[in-house]
Amino acid sequence: MTQSRITKTSAFALMVGLLFVAACGGGAEGADSANSSASVAAAPAADQAGGSTDGEQVYGSICVTCHQADGNGLQGAFPPLAGSAVAVGDAEVSIKIVLSGLTGEMTRGGATYNGMMTPWGATMSDADIAGVLTYVRSNFGNSADAVTEAQVAEVRAATSSQTTPYRITVSITAIPATANPAMASTP
């Protein structure tokens, strides 16, 4: 019985480790994804609600690894986007999180999460970010306004000195949907 438990625990640890590598762009597929995102960033894009990029496609190639196809996340590591007050709240907060990443322990719906959101600002274009955030804000039972490329560009410019992931300083459950979460820059 102990042998079986160690094997299951080791297998789970290996799976979580592989998910982190995949989410951080490890391996050849990650390099190809970064290159294609860079190509999209270099191409001129119209300022459309939701961006000129297919948000569902971006979600399926980048976000699904941690947040899962149904938006329910991975217990203990990555919180759900389904029904998330942060996802449907102030778009600026979500943009900052995608651009610079987020770290710290949070409690949501009675569950504690302590994974790290990868910073995607260096590899995702404004169109990619607007598209994927619009997708998240209008799927998984969520309903919120679209995010535009202009909004992403404005936040990107305003936070260009943010070189490390934001750190959670309060419980996510204590934040109303329309409030700006208390996030602090990490030193």
N, C-alpha and C. Protein backbone atom coordinates (compact mmCIF):
# COMPACT_ATOMS: atom_id res chain seq x y z
N MET A 1 0.82 -1.19 0.00
CA MET A 1 0.00 0.00 0.00
C MET A 1 0.87 1.25 0.00
N THR A 2 1.92 1.30 0.78
CA THR A 2 2.81 2.45 0.79
C THR A 2 3.47 2.63 -0.57
N GLN A 3 3.87 1.54 -1.18
CA GLN A 3 4.48 1.60 -2.52
C GLN A 3 3.52 2.26 -3.50
N SER A 4 2.25 1.89 -3.47
CA SER A 4 1.24 2.45 -4.36
C SER A 4 1.05 3.93 -4.10
N ARG A 5 1.02 4.34 -2.86
CA ARG A 5 0.82 5.75 -2.50
C ARG A 5 2.01 6.58 -3.00
N ILE A 6 3.21 6.11 -2.83
CA ILE A 6 4.40 6.83 -3.30
C ILE A 6 4.34 6.97 -4.82
N THR A 7 3.95 5.93 -5.50
CA THR A 7 3.87 5.96 -6.94
C THR A 7 2.84 6.99 -7.41
N LYS A 8 1.65 7.01 -6.78
CA LYS A 8 0.63 7.98 -7.15
C LYS A 8 1.09 9.39 -6.85
N THR A 9 1.72 9.59 -5.70
CA THR A 9 2.23 10.90 -5.34
C THR A 9 3.30 11.36 -6.31
N SER A 10 4.22 10.46 -6.65
CA SER A 10 5.28 10.79 -7.59
C SER A 10 4.71 11.11 -8.96
N ALA A 11 3.73 10.35 -9.39
CA ALA A 11 3.10 10.60 -10.69
C ALA A 11 2.41 11.96 -10.71
N PHE A 12 1.73 12.30 -9.61
CA PHE A 12 1.07 13.60 -9.52
C PHE A 12 2.10 14.73 -9.57
N ALA A 13 3.19 14.57 -8.82
CA ALA A 13 4.25 15.59 -8.81
C ALA A 13 4.85 15.76 -10.20
N LEU A 14 5.06 14.67 -10.90
CA LEU A 14 5.59 14.73 -12.25
C LEU A 14 4.62 15.44 -13.18
N MET A 15 3.33 15.15 -13.06
CA MET A 15 2.33 15.79 -13.91
C MET A 15 2.30 17.30 -13.67
N VAL A 16 2.31 17.72 -12.41
CA VAL A 16 2.29 19.14 -12.08
C VAL A 16 3.56 19.81 -12.62
N GLY A 17 4.70 19.16 -12.47
CA GLY A 17 5.95 19.69 -13.00
C GLY A 17 5.91 19.87 -14.51
N LEU A 18 5.36 18.88 -15.20
CA LEU A 18 5.24 18.98 -16.66
C LEU A 18 4.29 20.10 -17.07
N LEU A 19 3.23 20.29 -16.31
CA LEU A 19 2.30 21.39 -16.60
C LEU A 19 2.99 22.74 -16.44
N PHE A 20 3.83 22.87 -15.42
CA PHE A 20 4.57 24.13 -15.25
C PHE A 20 5.50 24.36 -16.43
N VAL A 21 6.22 23.33 -16.86
CA VAL A 21 7.12 23.48 -18.00
C VAL A 21 6.35 23.87 -19.25
N ALA A 22 5.23 23.21 -19.50
CA ALA A 22 4.43 23.53 -20.68
C ALA A 22 3.87 24.94 -20.60
N ALA A 23 3.43 25.36 -19.42
CA ALA A 23 2.85 26.69 -19.27
C ALA A 23 3.90 27.77 -19.43
N CYS A 24 5.14 27.45 -19.12
CA CYS A 24 6.21 28.44 -19.24
C CYS A 24 6.84 28.43 -20.61
N GLY A 25 6.28 27.68 -21.53
CA GLY A 25 6.80 27.68 -22.89
C GLY A 25 7.98 26.76 -23.07
N GLY A 26 8.12 25.75 -22.21
CA GLY A 26 9.24 24.83 -22.34
C GLY A 26 9.09 23.95 -23.57
N GLY A 27 10.20 23.54 -24.11
CA GLY A 27 10.18 22.63 -25.26
C GLY A 27 9.99 23.37 -26.57
N ALA A 28 10.04 22.63 -27.66
CA ALA A 28 9.95 23.20 -29.00
C ALA A 28 8.61 23.84 -29.26
N GLU A 29 7.52 23.24 -28.75
CA GLU A 29 6.20 23.82 -28.99
C GLU A 29 6.11 25.20 -28.39
N GLY A 30 6.68 25.40 -27.19
CA GLY A 30 6.67 26.71 -26.54
C GLY A 30 7.44 27.73 -27.36
N ALA A 31 8.56 27.31 -27.94
CA ALA A 31 9.34 28.23 -28.76
C ALA A 31 8.56 28.61 -30.00
N ASP A 32 7.88 27.65 -30.62
CA ASP A 32 7.08 27.96 -31.80
C ASP A 32 5.95 28.91 -31.44
N SER A 33 5.32 28.69 -30.29
CA SER A 33 4.23 29.55 -29.85
C SER A 33 4.74 30.97 -29.63
N ALA A 34 5.91 31.10 -29.01
CA ALA A 34 6.47 32.42 -28.77
C ALA A 34 6.79 33.10 -30.10
N ASN A 35 7.33 32.34 -31.06
CA ASN A 35 7.65 32.93 -32.35
C ASN A 35 6.40 33.37 -33.08
N SER A 36 5.33 32.58 -33.04
CA SER A 36 4.12 32.97 -33.73
C SER A 36 3.48 34.17 -33.05
N SER A 37 3.57 34.27 -31.72
CA SER A 37 3.04 35.43 -31.03
C SER A 37 3.83 36.67 -31.38
N ALA A 38 5.17 36.52 -31.52
CA ALA A 38 5.99 37.65 -31.90
C ALA A 38 5.62 38.11 -33.30
N SER A 39 5.31 37.18 -34.19
CA SER A 39 4.91 37.55 -35.54
C SER A 39 3.60 38.31 -35.52
N VAL A 40 2.66 37.89 -34.67
CA VAL A 40 1.39 38.60 -34.56
C VAL A 40 1.63 39.99 -34.01
N ALA A 41 2.56 40.11 -33.02
CA ALA A 41 2.84 41.40 -32.43
C ALA A 41 3.43 42.36 -33.45
N ALA A 42 4.21 41.85 -34.40
CA ALA A 42 4.86 42.69 -35.38
C ALA A 42 3.88 43.14 -36.47
N ALA A 43 2.83 42.39 -36.68
CA ALA A 43 1.86 42.74 -37.72
C ALA A 43 0.93 43.83 -37.22
N PRO A 44 0.59 44.80 -38.10
CA PRO A 44 -0.36 45.82 -37.67
C PRO A 44 -1.71 45.20 -37.42
N ALA A 45 -2.38 45.64 -36.38
CA ALA A 45 -3.68 45.07 -36.04
C ALA A 45 -4.68 46.18 -35.80
N ALA A 46 -5.88 45.97 -36.24
CA ALA A 46 -6.95 46.94 -36.04
C ALA A 46 -7.34 46.96 -34.57
N ASP A 47 -7.78 48.12 -34.08
CA ASP A 47 -8.23 48.22 -32.70
C ASP A 47 -9.68 47.78 -32.62
N GLN A 48 -9.86 46.48 -32.41
CA GLN A 48 -11.20 45.91 -32.34
C GLN A 48 -11.47 45.46 -30.92
N ALA A 49 -12.74 45.45 -30.58
CA ALA A 49 -13.10 44.86 -29.29
C ALA A 49 -12.71 43.40 -29.35
N GLY A 50 -11.97 42.96 -28.35
CA GLY A 50 -11.56 41.57 -28.32
C GLY A 50 -10.31 41.29 -29.11
N GLY A 51 -9.75 42.31 -29.75
CA GLY A 51 -8.52 42.11 -30.50
C GLY A 51 -8.75 41.45 -31.83
N SER A 52 -7.72 41.47 -32.66
CA SER A 52 -7.83 40.86 -33.98
C SER A 52 -7.39 39.40 -33.96
N THR A 53 -7.09 38.89 -32.80
CA THR A 53 -6.68 37.51 -32.61
C THR A 53 -7.85 36.71 -32.04
N ASP A 54 -7.97 35.46 -32.46
CA ASP A 54 -9.02 34.58 -31.95
C ASP A 54 -8.68 34.19 -30.51
N GLY A 55 -9.41 34.76 -29.55
CA GLY A 55 -9.15 34.52 -28.14
C GLY A 55 -9.30 33.07 -27.74
N GLU A 56 -10.24 32.36 -28.35
CA GLU A 56 -10.41 30.94 -28.04
C GLU A 56 -9.19 30.14 -28.47
N GLN A 57 -8.60 30.51 -29.60
CA GLN A 57 -7.40 29.83 -30.08
C GLN A 57 -6.22 30.10 -29.14
N VAL A 58 -6.06 31.34 -28.70
CA VAL A 58 -4.99 31.68 -27.77
C VAL A 58 -5.20 30.92 -26.46
N TYR A 59 -6.42 30.91 -25.95
CA TYR A 59 -6.73 30.19 -24.72
C TYR A 59 -6.36 28.71 -24.87
N GLY A 60 -6.75 28.12 -26.00
CA GLY A 60 -6.49 26.70 -26.24
C GLY A 60 -5.03 26.35 -26.38
N SER A 61 -4.20 27.30 -26.79
CA SER A 61 -2.78 27.00 -26.97
C SER A 61 -1.93 27.43 -25.78
N ILE A 62 -2.42 28.35 -24.96
CA ILE A 62 -1.59 28.85 -23.85
C ILE A 62 -2.24 28.61 -22.49
N CYS A 63 -3.45 29.08 -22.31
CA CYS A 63 -4.08 29.12 -20.98
C CYS A 63 -4.64 27.79 -20.51
N VAL A 64 -5.05 26.95 -21.46
CA VAL A 64 -5.72 25.70 -21.13
C VAL A 64 -4.86 24.78 -20.27
N THR A 65 -3.56 24.88 -20.38
CA THR A 65 -2.67 24.02 -19.61
C THR A 65 -2.91 24.15 -18.12
N CYS A 66 -3.09 25.36 -17.66
CA CYS A 66 -3.29 25.59 -16.23
C CYS A 66 -4.76 25.76 -15.86
N HIS A 67 -5.49 26.52 -16.67
CA HIS A 67 -6.87 26.85 -16.32
C HIS A 67 -7.89 25.86 -16.88
N GLN A 68 -7.44 24.90 -17.67
CA GLN A 68 -8.25 23.80 -18.19
C GLN A 68 -9.30 24.25 -19.22
N ALA A 69 -9.74 23.32 -20.04
CA ALA A 69 -10.67 23.60 -21.13
C ALA A 69 -12.00 24.15 -20.62
N ASP A 70 -12.40 23.75 -19.41
CA ASP A 70 -13.68 24.22 -18.87
C ASP A 70 -13.53 25.46 -18.00
N GLY A 71 -12.31 26.00 -17.88
CA GLY A 71 -12.08 27.19 -17.09
C GLY A 71 -12.07 26.97 -15.59
N ASN A 72 -12.05 25.72 -15.16
CA ASN A 72 -12.12 25.42 -13.72
C ASN A 72 -10.77 25.28 -13.03
N GLY A 73 -9.68 25.50 -13.74
CA GLY A 73 -8.36 25.48 -13.13
C GLY A 73 -7.93 24.12 -12.61
N LEU A 74 -6.82 24.11 -11.86
CA LEU A 74 -6.30 22.89 -11.24
C LEU A 74 -6.27 23.09 -9.74
N GLN A 75 -6.99 22.25 -9.03
CA GLN A 75 -7.12 22.34 -7.57
C GLN A 75 -5.75 22.51 -6.91
N GLY A 76 -5.62 23.53 -6.08
CA GLY A 76 -4.41 23.75 -5.31
C GLY A 76 -3.33 24.54 -6.02
N ALA A 77 -3.41 24.65 -7.33
CA ALA A 77 -2.37 25.35 -8.07
C ALA A 77 -2.90 26.55 -8.84
N PHE A 78 -3.89 26.34 -9.70
CA PHE A 78 -4.36 27.39 -10.59
C PHE A 78 -5.86 27.59 -10.42
N PRO A 79 -6.28 28.79 -10.04
CA PRO A 79 -7.69 29.03 -9.74
C PRO A 79 -8.57 29.01 -10.97
N PRO A 80 -9.85 28.77 -10.77
CA PRO A 80 -10.77 28.78 -11.89
C PRO A 80 -10.97 30.19 -12.45
N LEU A 81 -11.17 30.26 -13.74
CA LEU A 81 -11.58 31.50 -14.39
C LEU A 81 -13.10 31.54 -14.48
N ALA A 82 -13.72 30.38 -14.42
CA ALA A 82 -15.18 30.28 -14.43
C ALA A 82 -15.72 30.93 -13.17
N GLY A 83 -16.59 31.92 -13.34
CA GLY A 83 -17.18 32.59 -12.21
C GLY A 83 -16.22 33.45 -11.42
N SER A 84 -15.11 33.83 -12.02
CA SER A 84 -14.09 34.61 -11.32
C SER A 84 -14.42 36.09 -11.29
N ALA A 85 -14.49 36.65 -10.08
CA ALA A 85 -14.72 38.08 -9.92
C ALA A 85 -13.56 38.88 -10.51
N VAL A 86 -12.36 38.36 -10.45
CA VAL A 86 -11.21 39.05 -11.01
C VAL A 86 -11.31 39.06 -12.54
N ALA A 87 -11.68 37.94 -13.13
CA ALA A 87 -11.77 37.86 -14.60
C ALA A 87 -12.82 38.81 -15.17
N VAL A 88 -13.92 39.00 -14.48
CA VAL A 88 -14.99 39.86 -14.99
C VAL A 88 -14.97 41.25 -14.39
N GLY A 89 -14.06 41.50 -13.47
CA GLY A 89 -13.95 42.82 -12.84
C GLY A 89 -13.22 43.81 -13.73
N ASP A 90 -12.51 44.71 -13.13
CA ASP A 90 -11.76 45.75 -13.82
C ASP A 90 -10.80 45.11 -14.83
N ALA A 91 -10.99 45.39 -16.11
CA ALA A 91 -10.17 44.79 -17.17
C ALA A 91 -8.70 45.12 -16.97
N GLU A 92 -8.39 46.28 -16.43
CA GLU A 92 -6.99 46.67 -16.21
C GLU A 92 -6.27 45.66 -15.32
N VAL A 93 -6.95 45.14 -14.33
CA VAL A 93 -6.35 44.16 -13.42
C VAL A 93 -5.99 42.89 -14.18
N SER A 94 -6.93 42.39 -14.97
CA SER A 94 -6.65 41.17 -15.75
C SER A 94 -5.52 41.40 -16.74
N ILE A 95 -5.50 42.56 -17.37
CA ILE A 95 -4.42 42.87 -18.32
C ILE A 95 -3.08 42.86 -17.60
N LYS A 96 -3.00 43.49 -16.43
CA LYS A 96 -1.76 43.51 -15.65
C LYS A 96 -1.31 42.10 -15.30
N ILE A 97 -2.26 41.27 -14.90
CA ILE A 97 -1.92 39.89 -14.52
C ILE A 97 -1.35 39.13 -15.71
N VAL A 98 -1.97 39.26 -16.88
CA VAL A 98 -1.48 38.55 -18.06
C VAL A 98 -0.12 39.11 -18.49
N LEU A 99 0.04 40.42 -18.47
CA LEU A 99 1.31 41.02 -18.88
C LEU A 99 2.47 40.63 -17.97
N SER A 100 2.26 40.77 -16.65
CA SER A 100 3.38 40.64 -15.71
C SER A 100 3.35 39.39 -14.84
N GLY A 101 2.25 38.65 -14.84
CA GLY A 101 2.16 37.46 -14.01
C GLY A 101 1.66 37.80 -12.62
N LEU A 102 1.41 36.75 -11.84
CA LEU A 102 0.86 36.91 -10.49
C LEU A 102 1.35 35.75 -9.63
N THR A 103 1.72 36.06 -8.42
CA THR A 103 2.18 35.03 -7.51
C THR A 103 1.60 35.28 -6.12
N GLY A 104 1.53 34.25 -5.33
CA GLY A 104 1.02 34.39 -3.97
C GLY A 104 -0.14 33.45 -3.73
N GLU A 105 -0.36 33.18 -2.48
CA GLU A 105 -1.45 32.28 -2.09
C GLU A 105 -2.77 33.02 -2.10
N MET A 106 -3.80 32.37 -2.65
CA MET A 106 -5.13 32.94 -2.64
C MET A 106 -6.14 31.87 -2.27
N THR A 107 -7.25 32.32 -1.69
CA THR A 107 -8.34 31.42 -1.36
C THR A 107 -9.54 31.84 -2.18
N ARG A 108 -10.13 30.89 -2.85
CA ARG A 108 -11.31 31.18 -3.67
C ARG A 108 -12.28 30.02 -3.54
N GLY A 109 -13.51 30.32 -3.16
CA GLY A 109 -14.53 29.29 -3.01
C GLY A 109 -14.14 28.23 -2.01
N GLY A 110 -13.40 28.63 -0.96
CA GLY A 110 -12.98 27.70 0.07
C GLY A 110 -11.73 26.89 -0.27
N ALA A 111 -11.22 27.04 -1.48
CA ALA A 111 -10.01 26.31 -1.89
C ALA A 111 -8.82 27.27 -1.93
N THR A 112 -7.66 26.76 -1.54
CA THR A 112 -6.44 27.57 -1.54
C THR A 112 -5.64 27.21 -2.79
N TYR A 113 -5.12 28.25 -3.44
CA TYR A 113 -4.31 28.09 -4.65
C TYR A 113 -2.98 28.77 -4.41
N ASN A 114 -1.92 28.15 -4.88
CA ASN A 114 -0.60 28.73 -4.68
C ASN A 114 0.30 28.46 -5.88
N GLY A 115 -0.23 28.61 -7.07
CA GLY A 115 0.58 28.50 -8.26
C GLY A 115 1.05 29.88 -8.67
N MET A 116 1.78 29.95 -9.77
CA MET A 116 2.24 31.23 -10.27
C MET A 116 1.71 31.43 -11.68
N MET A 117 1.08 32.56 -11.93
CA MET A 117 0.65 32.91 -13.27
C MET A 117 1.87 33.40 -14.03
N THR A 118 2.15 32.76 -15.13
CA THR A 118 3.29 33.12 -15.97
C THR A 118 3.09 34.51 -16.56
N PRO A 119 4.14 35.34 -16.56
CA PRO A 119 4.03 36.63 -17.25
C PRO A 119 4.10 36.41 -18.77
N TRP A 120 3.12 36.93 -19.50
CA TRP A 120 3.05 36.71 -20.94
C TRP A 120 3.32 37.97 -21.76
N GLY A 121 3.63 39.08 -21.11
CA GLY A 121 3.82 40.35 -21.81
C GLY A 121 4.90 40.33 -22.87
N ALA A 122 5.94 39.56 -22.66
CA ALA A 122 7.05 39.52 -23.61
C ALA A 122 6.74 38.67 -24.84
N THR A 123 5.75 37.78 -24.73
CA THR A 123 5.49 36.87 -25.85
C THR A 123 4.12 37.03 -26.49
N MET A 124 3.21 37.70 -25.81
CA MET A 124 1.87 37.88 -26.37
C MET A 124 1.68 39.31 -26.86
N SER A 125 1.09 39.46 -28.02
CA SER A 125 0.79 40.79 -28.56
C SER A 125 -0.41 41.39 -27.85
N ASP A 126 -0.62 42.68 -28.07
CA ASP A 126 -1.81 43.34 -27.52
C ASP A 126 -3.08 42.67 -28.05
N ALA A 127 -3.06 42.27 -29.32
CA ALA A 127 -4.21 41.60 -29.93
C ALA A 127 -4.47 40.25 -29.26
N ASP A 128 -3.40 39.49 -28.98
CA ASP A 128 -3.54 38.19 -28.30
C ASP A 128 -4.17 38.37 -26.92
N ILE A 129 -3.66 39.33 -26.16
CA ILE A 129 -4.15 39.55 -24.80
C ILE A 129 -5.59 40.04 -24.81
N ALA A 130 -5.90 40.99 -25.68
CA ALA A 130 -7.28 41.49 -25.78
C ALA A 130 -8.22 40.35 -26.17
N GLY A 131 -7.80 39.55 -27.13
CA GLY A 131 -8.63 38.44 -27.60
C GLY A 131 -8.88 37.40 -26.53
N VAL A 132 -7.83 36.99 -25.84
CA VAL A 132 -8.00 35.93 -24.84
C VAL A 132 -8.77 36.43 -23.62
N LEU A 133 -8.54 37.67 -23.21
CA LEU A 133 -9.29 38.19 -22.08
C LEU A 133 -10.76 38.37 -22.43
N THR A 134 -11.05 38.79 -23.64
CA THR A 134 -12.44 38.90 -24.08
C THR A 134 -13.09 37.52 -24.08
N TYR A 135 -12.35 36.51 -24.55
CA TYR A 135 -12.86 35.14 -24.54
C TYR A 135 -13.18 34.69 -23.11
N VAL A 136 -12.26 34.90 -22.19
CA VAL A 136 -12.47 34.48 -20.80
C VAL A 136 -13.64 35.25 -20.17
N ARG A 137 -13.74 36.54 -20.47
CA ARG A 137 -14.78 37.38 -19.87
C ARG A 137 -16.17 37.09 -20.43
N SER A 138 -16.24 36.32 -21.52
CA SER A 138 -17.55 36.02 -22.12
C SER A 138 -17.82 34.51 -22.23
N ASN A 139 -17.03 33.71 -21.55
CA ASN A 139 -17.21 32.26 -21.54
C ASN A 139 -17.11 31.74 -20.11
N PHE A 140 -17.32 30.46 -19.92
CA PHE A 140 -17.24 29.80 -18.61
C PHE A 140 -18.26 30.36 -17.63
N GLY A 141 -19.38 30.84 -18.13
CA GLY A 141 -20.41 31.42 -17.28
C GLY A 141 -20.14 32.88 -16.93
N ASN A 142 -19.09 33.46 -17.49
CA ASN A 142 -18.74 34.86 -17.23
C ASN A 142 -19.45 35.77 -18.23
N SER A 143 -19.66 37.00 -17.84
CA SER A 143 -20.26 37.99 -18.72
C SER A 143 -19.70 39.36 -18.37
N ALA A 144 -18.83 39.87 -19.24
CA ALA A 144 -18.22 41.19 -19.01
C ALA A 144 -17.88 41.79 -20.37
N ASP A 145 -17.61 43.09 -20.37
CA ASP A 145 -17.28 43.79 -21.60
C ASP A 145 -16.01 43.24 -22.23
N ALA A 146 -15.92 43.41 -23.55
CA ALA A 146 -14.73 43.02 -24.30
C ALA A 146 -13.55 43.90 -23.90
N VAL A 147 -12.36 43.38 -24.09
CA VAL A 147 -11.12 44.12 -23.86
C VAL A 147 -10.57 44.49 -25.23
N THR A 148 -10.13 45.73 -25.39
CA THR A 148 -9.61 46.18 -26.68
C THR A 148 -8.09 46.19 -26.69
N GLU A 149 -7.55 46.17 -27.88
CA GLU A 149 -6.11 46.26 -28.03
C GLU A 149 -5.60 47.59 -27.47
N ALA A 150 -6.38 48.66 -27.64
CA ALA A 150 -5.99 49.97 -27.12
C ALA A 150 -5.87 49.93 -25.59
N GLN A 151 -6.79 49.24 -24.92
CA GLN A 151 -6.70 49.10 -23.46
C GLN A 151 -5.42 48.38 -23.07
N VAL A 152 -5.11 47.29 -23.78
CA VAL A 152 -3.91 46.51 -23.47
C VAL A 152 -2.67 47.36 -23.70
N ALA A 153 -2.63 48.09 -24.82
CA ALA A 153 -1.47 48.93 -25.14
C ALA A 153 -1.26 50.01 -24.07
N GLU A 154 -2.36 50.59 -23.60
CA GLU A 154 -2.28 51.62 -22.56
C GLU A 154 -1.72 51.05 -21.26
N VAL A 155 -2.23 49.89 -20.84
CA VAL A 155 -1.74 49.27 -19.61
C VAL A 155 -0.29 48.80 -19.78
N ARG A 156 0.03 48.27 -20.93
CA ARG A 156 1.41 47.82 -21.20
C ARG A 156 2.37 49.00 -21.04
N ALA A 157 2.02 50.14 -21.62
CA ALA A 157 2.88 51.33 -21.54
C ALA A 157 2.99 51.83 -20.09
N ALA A 158 1.87 51.85 -19.39
CA ALA A 158 1.85 52.35 -18.01
C ALA A 158 2.59 51.45 -17.03
N THR A 159 2.72 50.16 -17.36
CA THR A 159 3.36 49.21 -16.43
C THR A 159 4.68 48.68 -16.98
N SER A 160 5.27 49.37 -17.93
CA SER A 160 6.49 48.88 -18.57
C SER A 160 7.65 48.68 -17.60
N SER A 161 7.63 49.36 -16.46
CA SER A 161 8.70 49.18 -15.48
C SER A 161 8.47 47.98 -14.56
N GLN A 162 7.30 47.33 -14.67
CA GLN A 162 6.99 46.15 -13.86
C GLN A 162 7.74 44.96 -14.44
N THR A 163 8.82 44.54 -13.78
CA THR A 163 9.66 43.48 -14.32
C THR A 163 9.50 42.14 -13.60
N THR A 164 8.70 42.12 -12.57
CA THR A 164 8.47 40.87 -11.83
C THR A 164 6.96 40.67 -11.70
N PRO A 165 6.53 39.45 -11.43
CA PRO A 165 5.09 39.21 -11.26
C PRO A 165 4.52 40.01 -10.08
N TYR A 166 3.25 40.37 -10.22
CA TYR A 166 2.55 41.00 -9.10
C TYR A 166 2.41 39.95 -8.00
N ARG A 167 2.30 40.42 -6.78
CA ARG A 167 2.18 39.53 -5.62
C ARG A 167 0.84 39.81 -4.96
N ILE A 168 0.09 38.79 -4.66
CA ILE A 168 -1.21 38.95 -3.99
C ILE A 168 -0.96 39.38 -2.56
N THR A 169 -1.66 40.45 -2.16
CA THR A 169 -1.48 40.96 -0.80
C THR A 169 -2.75 40.85 0.04
N VAL A 170 -3.87 40.46 -0.56
CA VAL A 170 -5.12 40.24 0.18
C VAL A 170 -5.80 39.01 -0.41
N SER A 171 -6.76 38.50 0.30
CA SER A 171 -7.51 37.36 -0.19
C SER A 171 -8.35 37.75 -1.39
N ILE A 172 -8.28 36.96 -2.45
CA ILE A 172 -9.08 37.21 -3.65
C ILE A 172 -10.57 37.19 -3.31
N THR A 173 -10.96 36.40 -2.32
CA THR A 173 -12.39 36.31 -1.97
C THR A 173 -12.90 37.61 -1.36
N ALA A 174 -12.01 38.45 -0.85
CA ALA A 174 -12.42 39.70 -0.21
C ALA A 174 -12.58 40.84 -1.22
N ILE A 175 -12.33 40.58 -2.48
CA ILE A 175 -12.35 41.63 -3.50
C ILE A 175 -13.67 41.62 -4.26
N PRO A 176 -14.41 42.73 -4.21
CA PRO A 176 -15.63 42.81 -5.02
C PRO A 176 -15.30 42.78 -6.51
N ALA A 177 -16.24 42.36 -7.33
CA ALA A 177 -16.00 42.22 -8.76
C ALA A 177 -15.53 43.51 -9.41
N THR A 178 -15.94 44.65 -8.92
CA THR A 178 -15.58 45.90 -9.56
C THR A 178 -14.36 46.57 -8.94
N ALA A 179 -13.79 45.98 -7.90
CA ALA A 179 -12.65 46.60 -7.24
C ALA A 179 -11.34 46.19 -7.89
N ASN A 180 -10.36 47.02 -7.72
CA ASN A 180 -9.01 46.72 -8.19
C ASN A 180 -8.32 45.93 -7.08
N PRO A 181 -7.93 44.68 -7.32
CA PRO A 181 -7.32 43.90 -6.25
C PRO A 181 -6.05 44.57 -5.71
N ALA A 182 -5.85 44.41 -4.45
CA ALA A 182 -4.63 44.95 -3.84
C ALA A 182 -3.47 44.07 -4.29
N MET A 183 -2.82 44.53 -5.31
CA MET A 183 -1.65 43.80 -5.81
C MET A 183 -0.45 44.70 -5.60
N ALA A 184 0.64 44.12 -5.23
CA ALA A 184 1.84 44.88 -5.01
C ALA A 184 2.92 44.44 -5.98
N SER A 185 3.74 45.37 -6.38
CA SER A 185 4.90 44.99 -7.17
C SER A 185 5.84 44.24 -6.27
N THR A 186 6.46 43.22 -6.82
CA THR A 186 7.45 42.50 -6.01
C THR A 186 8.77 43.23 -6.13
N PRO A 187 9.56 43.23 -5.08
CA PRO A 187 10.81 44.00 -5.08
C PRO A 187 11.80 43.47 -6.08
